[in-house]
Amino acid sequence: MVEECKKHNGIVTVFVSGSTAAVTTIEYQRGLKHDFSALLTRVAPINIKYVHYNT
């Protein structure tokens, strides 16, 4: 973990394996966890049937 290395300056390399993965950054503000979760639910709802899972 980055926090455990006790470094204050430097570069971190992040690698994500997978065709549908993504890495992003966002400024943390109060309420962000709730708002971001709600945004993702609107973009990709959990409670609908996705055709690509059934092929």
C-alpha atoms as a PDB file:
ATOM      1  CA  MET A   1       0.000   0.000   0.000  1.00  0.00           C
ATOM      2  CA  VAL A   2       1.139   3.516  -0.768  1.00  0.00           C
ATOM      3  CA  GLU A   3       0.190   4.776   2.705  1.00  0.00           C
ATOM      4  CA  GLU A   4       2.323   2.111   4.376  1.00  0.00           C
ATOM      5  CA  CYS A   5       5.555   3.087   2.597  1.00  0.00           C
ATOM      6  CA  LYS A   6       5.750   6.389   4.560  1.00  0.00           C
ATOM      7  CA  LYS A   7       6.925   8.372   1.514  1.00  0.00           C
ATOM      8  CA  HIS A   8       5.834  11.986   1.133  1.00  0.00           C
ATOM      9  CA  ASN A   9       6.953  12.615  -2.463  1.00  0.00           C
ATOM     10  CA  GLY A  10       7.324  10.439  -5.507  1.00  0.00           C
ATOM     11  CA  ILE A  11       5.564   8.695  -8.342  1.00  0.00           C
ATOM     12  CA  VAL A  12       3.175   5.761  -8.117  1.00  0.00           C
ATOM     13  CA  THR A  13       2.521   3.539 -11.107  1.00  0.00           C
ATOM     14  CA  VAL A  14      -0.961   2.025 -11.279  1.00  0.00           C
ATOM     15  CA  PHE A  15      -1.676  -0.816 -13.688  1.00  0.00           C
ATOM     16  CA  VAL A  16      -5.158  -2.153 -14.336  1.00  0.00           C
ATOM     17  CA  SER A  17      -5.533  -5.389 -16.221  1.00  0.00           C
ATOM     18  CA  GLY A  18      -8.789  -5.869 -18.086  1.00  0.00           C
ATOM     19  CA  SER A  19     -10.669  -4.469 -21.040  1.00  0.00           C
ATOM     20  CA  THR A  20     -13.381  -2.804 -18.955  1.00  0.00           C
ATOM     21  CA  ALA A  21     -11.231  -1.452 -16.129  1.00  0.00           C
ATOM     22  CA  ALA A  22     -10.455   2.199 -15.488  1.00  0.00           C
ATOM     23  CA  VAL A  23      -8.342   4.358 -13.216  1.00  0.00           C
ATOM     24  CA  THR A  24      -9.298   7.924 -12.394  1.00  0.00           C
ATOM     25  CA  THR A  25      -8.679  10.636  -9.859  1.00  0.00           C
ATOM     26  CA  ILE A  26     -11.172  12.884  -8.160  1.00  0.00           C
ATOM     27  CA  GLU A  27     -10.966  15.621  -5.559  1.00  0.00           C
ATOM     28  CA  TYR A  28     -12.448  14.388  -2.296  1.00  0.00           C
ATOM     29  CA  GLN A  29     -15.267  16.494  -0.889  1.00  0.00           C
ATOM     30  CA  ARG A  30     -17.858  15.812   1.787  1.00  0.00           C
ATOM     31  CA  GLY A  31     -20.685  13.733   0.303  1.00  0.00           C
ATOM     32  CA  LEU A  32     -18.525  12.417  -2.543  1.00  0.00           C
ATOM     33  CA  LYS A  33     -18.907   8.736  -1.651  1.00  0.00           C
ATOM     34  CA  HIS A  34     -22.690   9.041  -1.731  1.00  0.00           C
ATOM     35  CA  ASP A  35     -22.815  11.136  -4.910  1.00  0.00           C
ATOM     36  CA  PHE A  36     -20.335   8.973  -6.827  1.00  0.00           C
ATOM     37  CA  SER A  37     -22.162   5.791  -5.889  1.00  0.00           C
ATOM     38  CA  ALA A  38     -25.466   7.326  -7.027  1.00  0.00           C
ATOM     39  CA  LEU A  39     -23.858   8.424 -10.306  1.00  0.00           C
ATOM     40  CA  LEU A  40     -22.571   4.921 -11.046  1.00  0.00           C
ATOM     41  CA  THR A  41     -25.972   3.439 -10.266  1.00  0.00           C
ATOM     42  CA  ARG A  42     -27.555   5.751 -12.859  1.00  0.00           C
ATOM     43  CA  VAL A  43     -24.878   5.002 -15.476  1.00  0.00           C
ATOM     44  CA  ALA A  44     -24.852   1.219 -14.971  1.00  0.00           C
ATOM     45  CA  PRO A  45     -27.893   0.078 -12.964  1.00  0.00           C
ATOM     46  CA  ILE A  46     -27.529  -3.162 -11.032  1.00  0.00           C
ATOM     47  CA  ASN A  47     -31.178  -4.238 -11.209  1.00  0.00           C
ATOM     48  CA  ILE A  48     -31.548  -4.621 -14.989  1.00  0.00           C
ATOM     49  CA  LYS A  49     -30.809  -7.589 -17.226  1.00  0.00           C
ATOM     50  CA  TYR A  50     -27.696  -7.076 -19.344  1.00  0.00           C
ATOM     51  CA  VAL A  51     -27.690  -9.070 -22.597  1.00  0.00           C
ATOM     52  CA  HIS A  52     -23.905  -9.486 -22.726  1.00  0.00           C
ATOM     53  CA  TYR A  53     -23.950 -11.604 -19.551  1.00  0.00           C
ATOM     54  CA  ASN A  54     -26.199 -14.160 -21.245  1.00  0.00           C
ATOM     55  CA  THR A  55     -24.313 -14.761 -24.482  1.00  0.00           C
END
